[in-house]
C-alpha atoms as a PDB file:
ATOM      1  CA  UNK A   1       2.269 -24.088 -20.273  1.00  0.00           C
ATOM      2  CA  UNK A   2       5.181 -25.045 -22.592  1.00  0.00           C
ATOM      3  CA  UNK A   3       8.606 -23.384 -22.548  1.00  0.00           C
ATOM      4  CA  UNK A   4       8.897 -20.245 -24.645  1.00  0.00           C
ATOM      5  CA  UNK A   5      11.375 -17.851 -26.133  1.00  0.00           C
ATOM      6  CA  UNK A   6       9.319 -14.748 -26.752  1.00  0.00           C
ATOM      7  CA  UNK A   7      10.284 -11.209 -27.689  1.00  0.00           C
ATOM      8  CA  UNK A   8       9.602  -8.482 -25.140  1.00  0.00           C
ATOM      9  CA  UNK A   9       7.317  -5.580 -25.981  1.00  0.00           C
ATOM     10  CA  UNK A  10       9.222  -2.415 -26.780  1.00  0.00           C
ATOM     11  CA  UNK A  11       8.394   0.653 -24.721  1.00  0.00           C
ATOM     12  CA  UNK A  12       7.469   4.075 -26.051  1.00  0.00           C
ATOM     13  CA  UNK A  13      10.274   5.560 -28.120  1.00  0.00           C
ATOM     14  CA  UNK A  14      11.409   9.160 -28.265  1.00  0.00           C
ATOM     15  CA  UNK A  15      11.881  11.223 -31.448  1.00  0.00           C
ATOM     16  CA  UNK A  16      15.262  11.763 -33.051  1.00  0.00           C
ATOM     17  CA  UNK A  17      17.224  14.647 -31.592  1.00  0.00           C
ATOM     18  CA  UNK A  18      17.172  17.647 -34.000  1.00  0.00           C
ATOM     19  CA  UNK A  19      20.443  19.403 -34.747  1.00  0.00           C
ATOM     20  CA  UNK A  20      20.628  23.180 -34.836  1.00  0.00           C
ATOM     21  CA  UNK A  21      21.882  24.608 -38.147  1.00  0.00           C
ATOM     22  CA  UNK A  22      24.604  27.183 -37.676  1.00  0.00           C
ATOM     23  CA  UNK A  23      24.661  30.286 -39.934  1.00  0.00           C
ATOM     24  CA  UNK A  24      26.164  33.758 -39.967  1.00  0.00           C
ATOM     25  CA  UNK A  25      22.711  35.291 -39.492  1.00  0.00           C
ATOM     26  CA  UNK A  26      21.473  35.346 -35.912  1.00  0.00           C
ATOM     27  CA  UNK A  27      18.222  33.513 -35.349  1.00  0.00           C
ATOM     28  CA  UNK A  28      15.352  35.621 -34.003  1.00  0.00           C
ATOM     29  CA  UNK A  29      14.530  33.075 -31.295  1.00  0.00           C
ATOM     30  CA  UNK A  30      16.119  30.319 -29.261  1.00  0.00           C
ATOM     31  CA  UNK A  31      15.238  26.736 -30.031  1.00  0.00           C
ATOM     32  CA  UNK A  32      13.732  24.658 -27.246  1.00  0.00           C
ATOM     33  CA  UNK A  33      16.229  22.105 -26.023  1.00  0.00           C
ATOM     34  CA  UNK A  34      15.478  18.423 -26.437  1.00  0.00           C
ATOM     35  CA  UNK A  35      14.267  16.616 -23.341  1.00  0.00           C
ATOM     36  CA  UNK A  36      16.156  13.470 -24.311  1.00  0.00           C
ATOM     37  CA  UNK A  37      18.981  12.664 -21.865  1.00  0.00           C
ATOM     38  CA  UNK A  38      22.592  13.003 -22.926  1.00  0.00           C
ATOM     39  CA  UNK A  39      23.639   9.886 -24.770  1.00  0.00           C
ATOM     40  CA  UNK A  40      20.077   8.812 -25.549  1.00  0.00           C
ATOM     41  CA  UNK A  41      19.692   6.843 -28.791  1.00  0.00           C
ATOM     42  CA  UNK A  42      16.254   6.554 -30.437  1.00  0.00           C
ATOM     43  CA  UNK A  43      15.000   3.086 -31.436  1.00  0.00           C
ATOM     44  CA  UNK A  44      15.656   3.886 -35.092  1.00  0.00           C
ATOM     45  CA  UNK A  45      19.424   3.841 -34.472  1.00  0.00           C
ATOM     46  CA  UNK A  46      19.479   0.088 -33.833  1.00  0.00           C
ATOM     47  CA  UNK A  47      16.308  -0.883 -35.665  1.00  0.00           C
ATOM     48  CA  UNK A  48      18.353  -3.242 -37.843  1.00  0.00           C
ATOM     49  CA  UNK A  49      19.111  -5.421 -34.813  1.00  0.00           C
ATOM     50  CA  UNK A  50      16.616  -8.048 -33.586  1.00  0.00           C
ATOM     51  CA  UNK A  51      15.166  -8.102 -30.079  1.00  0.00           C
ATOM     52  CA  UNK A  52      16.381 -10.898 -27.829  1.00  0.00           C
ATOM     53  CA  UNK A  53      13.852 -13.670 -27.127  1.00  0.00           C
ATOM     54  CA  UNK A  54      12.944 -14.286 -23.485  1.00  0.00           C
ATOM     55  CA  UNK A  55      13.855 -17.626 -21.937  1.00  0.00           C
ATOM     56  CA  UNK A  56      10.875 -18.364 -19.717  1.00  0.00           C
ATOM     57  CA  UNK A  57       8.635 -21.185 -18.591  1.00  0.00           C
ATOM     58  CA  UNK A  58       6.301 -21.632 -15.605  1.00  0.00           C
ATOM     59  CA  UNK A  59       7.476 -22.216 -12.034  1.00  0.00           C
ATOM     60  CA  UNK A  60      11.208 -21.652 -12.446  1.00  0.00           C
ATOM     61  CA  UNK A  61      13.390 -21.225  -9.389  1.00  0.00           C
ATOM     62  CA  UNK A  62      14.632 -17.818 -10.505  1.00  0.00           C
ATOM     63  CA  UNK A  63      14.276 -15.491 -13.485  1.00  0.00           C
ATOM     64  CA  UNK A  64      17.108 -13.036 -14.158  1.00  0.00           C
ATOM     65  CA  UNK A  65      16.028  -9.567 -15.262  1.00  0.00           C
ATOM     66  CA  UNK A  66      18.619  -7.649 -17.256  1.00  0.00           C
ATOM     67  CA  UNK A  67      18.560  -4.070 -18.503  1.00  0.00           C
ATOM     68  CA  UNK A  68      18.418  -4.609 -22.279  1.00  0.00           C
ATOM     69  CA  UNK A  69      20.436  -6.428 -24.951  1.00  0.00           C
ATOM     70  CA  UNK A  70      23.757  -4.971 -25.993  1.00  0.00           C
ATOM     71  CA  UNK A  71      24.982  -4.948 -29.578  1.00  0.00           C
ATOM     72  CA  UNK A  72      26.890  -8.230 -29.301  1.00  0.00           C
ATOM     73  CA  UNK A  73      23.994  -9.934 -27.542  1.00  0.00           C
ATOM     74  CA  UNK A  74      21.423  -8.774 -30.082  1.00  0.00           C
ATOM     75  CA  UNK A  75      23.652  -9.712 -33.008  1.00  0.00           C
ATOM     76  CA  UNK A  76      24.310 -13.202 -31.667  1.00  0.00           C
ATOM     77  CA  UNK A  77      20.788 -13.854 -30.391  1.00  0.00           C
ATOM     78  CA  UNK A  78      22.101 -15.052 -27.021  1.00  0.00           C
ATOM     79  CA  UNK A  79      22.011 -13.385 -23.598  1.00  0.00           C
ATOM     80  CA  UNK A  80      25.033 -11.649 -22.075  1.00  0.00           C
ATOM     81  CA  UNK A  81      27.161 -12.563 -25.084  1.00  0.00           C
ATOM     82  CA  UNK A  82      29.859  -9.878 -24.883  1.00  0.00           C
ATOM     83  CA  UNK A  83      33.186 -11.434 -23.761  1.00  0.00           C
ATOM     84  CA  UNK A  84      33.635  -8.814 -21.032  1.00  0.00           C
ATOM     85  CA  UNK A  85      30.237  -9.483 -19.443  1.00  0.00           C
ATOM     86  CA  UNK A  86      30.508 -11.349 -16.134  1.00  0.00           C
ATOM     87  CA  UNK A  87      27.021 -12.886 -16.113  1.00  0.00           C
ATOM     88  CA  UNK A  88      27.946 -16.477 -16.962  1.00  0.00           C
ATOM     89  CA  UNK A  89      31.000 -16.357 -14.716  1.00  0.00           C
ATOM     90  CA  UNK A  90      28.998 -15.076 -11.732  1.00  0.00           C
ATOM     91  CA  UNK A  91      26.167 -17.490 -12.415  1.00  0.00           C
ATOM     92  CA  UNK A  92      28.644 -20.346 -11.979  1.00  0.00           C
ATOM     93  CA  UNK A  93      30.807 -18.982  -9.147  1.00  0.00           C
ATOM     94  CA  UNK A  94      27.672 -18.130  -7.133  1.00  0.00           C
ATOM     95  CA  UNK A  95      26.289 -21.663  -7.417  1.00  0.00           C
ATOM     96  CA  UNK A  96      23.294 -20.780  -9.571  1.00  0.00           C
ATOM     97  CA  UNK A  97      24.696 -23.182 -12.171  1.00  0.00           C
ATOM     98  CA  UNK A  98      26.887 -26.205 -11.529  1.00  0.00           C
ATOM     99  CA  UNK A  99      29.269 -25.316 -14.364  1.00  0.00           C
ATOM    100  CA  UNK A 100      30.146 -22.292 -16.428  1.00  0.00           C
ATOM    101  CA  UNK A 101      27.739 -22.112 -19.349  1.00  0.00           C
ATOM    102  CA  UNK A 102      28.209 -20.307 -22.630  1.00  0.00           C
ATOM    103  CA  UNK A 103      25.832 -17.659 -23.986  1.00  0.00           C
ATOM    104  CA  UNK A 104      24.750 -20.187 -26.630  1.00  0.00           C
ATOM    105  CA  UNK A 105      23.243 -22.296 -23.832  1.00  0.00           C
ATOM    106  CA  UNK A 106      20.880 -19.553 -22.623  1.00  0.00           C
ATOM    107  CA  UNK A 107      17.853 -21.345 -24.067  1.00  0.00           C
ATOM    108  CA  UNK A 108      18.707 -24.462 -22.053  1.00  0.00           C
ATOM    109  CA  UNK A 109      18.690 -22.741 -18.648  1.00  0.00           C
ATOM    110  CA  UNK A 110      15.139 -23.860 -17.744  1.00  0.00           C
ATOM    111  CA  UNK A 111      15.856 -27.488 -18.573  1.00  0.00           C
ATOM    112  CA  UNK A 112      19.341 -27.625 -17.055  1.00  0.00           C
ATOM    113  CA  UNK A 113      19.017 -25.423 -13.975  1.00  0.00           C
ATOM    114  CA  UNK A 114      15.365 -24.245 -13.658  1.00  0.00           C
ATOM    115  CA  UNK A 115      16.422 -20.664 -14.391  1.00  0.00           C
ATOM    116  CA  UNK A 116      15.211 -18.097 -16.923  1.00  0.00           C
ATOM    117  CA  UNK A 117      16.097 -14.773 -18.552  1.00  0.00           C
ATOM    118  CA  UNK A 118      14.318 -11.587 -19.599  1.00  0.00           C
ATOM    119  CA  UNK A 119      15.031  -7.833 -19.784  1.00  0.00           C
ATOM    120  CA  UNK A 120      13.189  -4.750 -18.605  1.00  0.00           C
ATOM    121  CA  UNK A 121      13.653  -3.100 -22.041  1.00  0.00           C
ATOM    122  CA  UNK A 122      13.540  -5.198 -25.188  1.00  0.00           C
ATOM    123  CA  UNK A 123      15.322  -3.027 -27.723  1.00  0.00           C
ATOM    124  CA  UNK A 124      19.102  -3.241 -28.136  1.00  0.00           C
ATOM    125  CA  UNK A 125      21.488  -0.357 -27.480  1.00  0.00           C
ATOM    126  CA  UNK A 126      25.253  -0.018 -27.167  1.00  0.00           C
ATOM    127  CA  UNK A 127      24.962   0.762 -23.449  1.00  0.00           C
ATOM    128  CA  UNK A 128      22.449   1.726 -20.787  1.00  0.00           C
ATOM    129  CA  UNK A 129      23.042   5.445 -21.269  1.00  0.00           C
ATOM    130  CA  UNK A 130      21.219   5.181 -24.606  1.00  0.00           C
ATOM    131  CA  UNK A 131      17.970   4.403 -22.768  1.00  0.00           C
ATOM    132  CA  UNK A 132      15.844   6.998 -20.986  1.00  0.00           C
ATOM    133  CA  UNK A 133      14.351   6.739 -17.495  1.00  0.00           C
ATOM    134  CA  UNK A 134      10.910   7.194 -19.055  1.00  0.00           C
ATOM    135  CA  UNK A 135      11.522   4.216 -21.319  1.00  0.00           C
ATOM    136  CA  UNK A 136      12.594   2.096 -18.369  1.00  0.00           C
ATOM    137  CA  UNK A 137       9.647   3.147 -16.213  1.00  0.00           C
ATOM    138  CA  UNK A 138       7.117   2.470 -18.959  1.00  0.00           C
ATOM    139  CA  UNK A 139       8.463  -1.090 -19.267  1.00  0.00           C
ATOM    140  CA  UNK A 140       7.907  -2.016 -15.613  1.00  0.00           C
ATOM    141  CA  UNK A 141       4.267  -3.102 -16.021  1.00  0.00           C
ATOM    142  CA  UNK A 142       5.202  -5.338 -18.979  1.00  0.00           C
ATOM    143  CA  UNK A 143       7.808  -6.927 -16.752  1.00  0.00           C
ATOM    144  CA  UNK A 144       5.335  -7.400 -13.890  1.00  0.00           C
ATOM    145  CA  UNK A 145       2.905  -9.124 -16.263  1.00  0.00           C
ATOM    146  CA  UNK A 146       5.563 -11.601 -17.384  1.00  0.00           C
ATOM    147  CA  UNK A 147       6.175 -12.552 -13.767  1.00  0.00           C
ATOM    148  CA  UNK A 148       2.425 -12.967 -13.173  1.00  0.00           C
ATOM    149  CA  UNK A 149       2.176 -15.324 -16.142  1.00  0.00           C
ATOM    150  CA  UNK A 150       5.216 -17.519 -15.417  1.00  0.00           C
ATOM    151  CA  UNK A 151       5.276 -17.315 -11.602  1.00  0.00           C
ATOM    152  CA  UNK A 152       8.901 -18.062 -10.683  1.00  0.00           C
ATOM    153  CA  UNK A 153       9.828 -18.474  -7.039  1.00  0.00           C
ATOM    154  CA  UNK A 154      12.141 -15.457  -7.251  1.00  0.00           C
ATOM    155  CA  UNK A 155      13.500 -12.859  -9.623  1.00  0.00           C
ATOM    156  CA  UNK A 156      17.039 -11.517  -9.696  1.00  0.00           C
ATOM    157  CA  UNK A 157      17.408  -7.881 -10.752  1.00  0.00           C
ATOM    158  CA  UNK A 158      20.746  -7.740 -12.594  1.00  0.00           C
ATOM    159  CA  UNK A 159      21.789  -4.175 -11.863  1.00  0.00           C
ATOM    160  CA  UNK A 160      20.951  -1.262  -9.576  1.00  0.00           C
ATOM    161  CA  UNK A 161      19.423   0.942 -12.312  1.00  0.00           C
ATOM    162  CA  UNK A 162      16.727  -1.655 -13.024  1.00  0.00           C
ATOM    163  CA  UNK A 163      15.630  -1.725  -9.394  1.00  0.00           C
ATOM    164  CA  UNK A 164      15.719   2.080  -9.266  1.00  0.00           C
ATOM    165  CA  UNK A 165      13.221   2.153 -12.142  1.00  0.00           C
ATOM    166  CA  UNK A 166      10.903  -0.417 -10.540  1.00  0.00           C
ATOM    167  CA  UNK A 167      11.077   1.543  -7.285  1.00  0.00           C
ATOM    168  CA  UNK A 168      10.187   4.832  -9.015  1.00  0.00           C
ATOM    169  CA  UNK A 169       7.107   3.281 -10.575  1.00  0.00           C
ATOM    170  CA  UNK A 170       5.972   1.589  -7.357  1.00  0.00           C
ATOM    171  CA  UNK A 171       6.673   4.383  -4.917  1.00  0.00           C
ATOM    172  CA  UNK A 172       6.357   7.444  -7.156  1.00  0.00           C
ATOM    173  CA  UNK A 173       9.779   8.763  -6.186  1.00  0.00           C
ATOM    174  CA  UNK A 174      13.488   8.074  -6.485  1.00  0.00           C
ATOM    175  CA  UNK A 175      14.963   5.539  -4.123  1.00  0.00           C
ATOM    176  CA  UNK A 176      17.108   7.167  -1.440  1.00  0.00           C
ATOM    177  CA  UNK A 177      20.683   6.078  -0.878  1.00  0.00           C
ATOM    178  CA  UNK A 178      19.801   4.694   2.550  1.00  0.00           C
ATOM    179  CA  UNK A 179      16.812   2.785   1.105  1.00  0.00           C
ATOM    180  CA  UNK A 180      18.835   0.899  -1.490  1.00  0.00           C
ATOM    181  CA  UNK A 181      20.538  -2.386  -0.710  1.00  0.00           C
ATOM    182  CA  UNK A 182      21.746  -5.391  -2.642  1.00  0.00           C
ATOM    183  CA  UNK A 183      20.350  -8.800  -1.772  1.00  0.00           C
ATOM    184  CA  UNK A 184      16.842  -9.890  -0.801  1.00  0.00           C
ATOM    185  CA  UNK A 185      14.271  -7.096  -0.625  1.00  0.00           C
ATOM    186  CA  UNK A 186      11.366  -6.676   1.772  1.00  0.00           C
ATOM    187  CA  UNK A 187       8.508  -9.145   1.378  1.00  0.00           C
ATOM    188  CA  UNK A 188       6.204  -6.321   0.307  1.00  0.00           C
ATOM    189  CA  UNK A 189       8.350  -5.775  -2.802  1.00  0.00           C
ATOM    190  CA  UNK A 190       7.406  -9.088  -4.415  1.00  0.00           C
ATOM    191  CA  UNK A 191       6.808  -8.917  -8.169  1.00  0.00           C
ATOM    192  CA  UNK A 192       3.783 -10.148 -10.126  1.00  0.00           C
ATOM    193  CA  UNK A 193       1.452 -10.728  -7.187  1.00  0.00           C
ATOM    194  CA  UNK A 194      -2.179 -11.589  -7.977  1.00  0.00           C
ATOM    195  CA  UNK A 195      -4.979 -10.860  -5.500  1.00  0.00           C
ATOM    196  CA  UNK A 196      -8.144 -11.942  -7.309  1.00  0.00           C
ATOM    197  CA  UNK A 197      -8.614 -15.084  -9.430  1.00  0.00           C
ATOM    198  CA  UNK A 198      -6.008 -17.758  -8.749  1.00  0.00           C
ATOM    199  CA  UNK A 199      -4.221 -15.553  -6.165  1.00  0.00           C
ATOM    200  CA  UNK A 200      -0.442 -15.634  -5.910  1.00  0.00           C
ATOM    201  CA  UNK A 201       1.831 -13.842  -3.447  1.00  0.00           C
ATOM    202  CA  UNK A 202       4.369 -12.998  -6.152  1.00  0.00           C
ATOM    203  CA  UNK A 203       8.056 -13.689  -6.671  1.00  0.00           C
ATOM    204  CA  UNK A 204      10.577 -12.587  -4.075  1.00  0.00           C
ATOM    205  CA  UNK A 205      13.091 -10.023  -5.305  1.00  0.00           C
ATOM    206  CA  UNK A 206      16.872 -10.259  -5.128  1.00  0.00           C
ATOM    207  CA  UNK A 207      18.874  -7.266  -6.347  1.00  0.00           C
ATOM    208  CA  UNK A 208      22.306  -8.210  -7.675  1.00  0.00           C
ATOM    209  CA  UNK A 209      25.085  -6.156  -9.189  1.00  0.00           C
ATOM    210  CA  UNK A 210      25.252  -5.443 -12.876  1.00  0.00           C
ATOM    211  CA  UNK A 211      27.446  -7.879 -14.792  1.00  0.00           C
ATOM    212  CA  UNK A 212      28.465  -5.381 -17.459  1.00  0.00           C
ATOM    213  CA  UNK A 213      32.182  -5.185 -18.137  1.00  0.00           C
ATOM    214  CA  UNK A 214      31.820  -1.386 -18.242  1.00  0.00           C
ATOM    215  CA  UNK A 215      30.809  -1.174 -14.571  1.00  0.00           C
ATOM    216  CA  UNK A 216      33.759  -0.830 -12.203  1.00  0.00           C
ATOM    217  CA  UNK A 217      32.180   0.635  -9.062  1.00  0.00           C
ATOM    218  CA  UNK A 218      32.472  -2.722  -7.264  1.00  0.00           C
ATOM    219  CA  UNK A 219      35.354  -5.182  -7.338  1.00  0.00           C
ATOM    220  CA  UNK A 220      34.907  -8.722  -8.636  1.00  0.00           C
ATOM    221  CA  UNK A 221      35.252 -10.015  -5.067  1.00  0.00           C
ATOM    222  CA  UNK A 222      32.417  -7.747  -3.912  1.00  0.00           C
ATOM    223  CA  UNK A 223      30.227  -8.823  -6.822  1.00  0.00           C
ATOM    224  CA  UNK A 224      30.892 -12.502  -6.097  1.00  0.00           C
ATOM    225  CA  UNK A 225      29.951 -12.004  -2.445  1.00  0.00           C
ATOM    226  CA  UNK A 226      26.601 -10.448  -3.375  1.00  0.00           C
ATOM    227  CA  UNK A 227      25.833 -13.085  -6.000  1.00  0.00           C
ATOM    228  CA  UNK A 228      26.799 -15.929  -3.669  1.00  0.00           C
ATOM    229  CA  UNK A 229      23.886 -15.097  -1.360  1.00  0.00           C
ATOM    230  CA  UNK A 230      21.502 -15.777  -4.231  1.00  0.00           C
ATOM    231  CA  UNK A 231      23.447 -18.816  -5.424  1.00  0.00           C
ATOM    232  CA  UNK A 232      23.341 -20.565  -2.069  1.00  0.00           C
ATOM    233  CA  UNK A 233      19.554 -20.198  -1.995  1.00  0.00           C
ATOM    234  CA  UNK A 234      19.219 -21.458  -5.581  1.00  0.00           C
ATOM    235  CA  UNK A 235      21.303 -24.513  -4.657  1.00  0.00           C
ATOM    236  CA  UNK A 236      19.020 -25.246  -1.709  1.00  0.00           C
ATOM    237  CA  UNK A 237      15.881 -24.850  -3.804  1.00  0.00           C
ATOM    238  CA  UNK A 238      17.187 -27.049  -6.596  1.00  0.00           C
ATOM    239  CA  UNK A 239      18.109 -29.757  -4.097  1.00  0.00           C
ATOM    240  CA  UNK A 240      14.719 -29.521  -2.396  1.00  0.00           C
ATOM    241  CA  UNK A 241      12.911 -29.802  -5.713  1.00  0.00           C
ATOM    242  CA  UNK A 242      14.960 -32.808  -6.757  1.00  0.00           C
ATOM    243  CA  UNK A 243      14.038 -34.479  -3.485  1.00  0.00           C
ATOM    244  CA  UNK A 244      10.366 -33.624  -3.978  1.00  0.00           C
ATOM    245  CA  UNK A 245      10.106 -31.264  -1.037  1.00  0.00           C
ATOM    246  CA  UNK A 246       7.430 -28.586  -0.760  1.00  0.00           C
ATOM    247  CA  UNK A 247       8.399 -25.219  -2.269  1.00  0.00           C
ATOM    248  CA  UNK A 248       9.515 -22.556   0.220  1.00  0.00           C
ATOM    249  CA  UNK A 249      10.227 -18.855  -0.093  1.00  0.00           C
ATOM    250  CA  UNK A 250      13.748 -17.383   0.245  1.00  0.00           C
ATOM    251  CA  UNK A 251      14.615 -15.861   3.591  1.00  0.00           C
END
């Protein structure tokens, strides 16, 4: 299967929030409040911006799964393009890439480093608060299907909220504080597994920190420590592949 840059499928959108008209005459009834979360932005708000193409091809070492494109990323057509985003910095400092790449090189990741990129939600927004949990959850199966098709060795979830959504869909409940951890997940949490024709055990899952410049809950040192665990494995896998060794799963 040849390399591809394909647009993700957008998930179900919610209607525009209606504004209550204020007047001196009291209304005879109370309006029902919108179920949209605070900060939610309907797809129409950024409909003028293009979706970001995926960077995928079969049998990559790792595919990075982001939340959705930001305004700068969508406008430029390249992943993690905002200057404050730490993705390209962490990709290099962790060892996933041998040098610091620019956003304009995102399409070359498969050829240069056997890595790929996609997002759980395709449509652009200014920030993650403009997406709803329903929108995220409804995108999980689309994401699983991409992994089934391209079959990478592993996927890296770039941000806690993405894994929380995948967990909700799989387990039918919110993930508890004591159940969440960064790093490699249990073997039973593999993504994209196929049981029938041409069976495949699925890609192992690594949960990394978000790289957004808006997120300050963890220090840069803490983020680098978490990402380094993935990077060291990617280095080993790239070396093994270059030497023609048999593929192995992360431990």
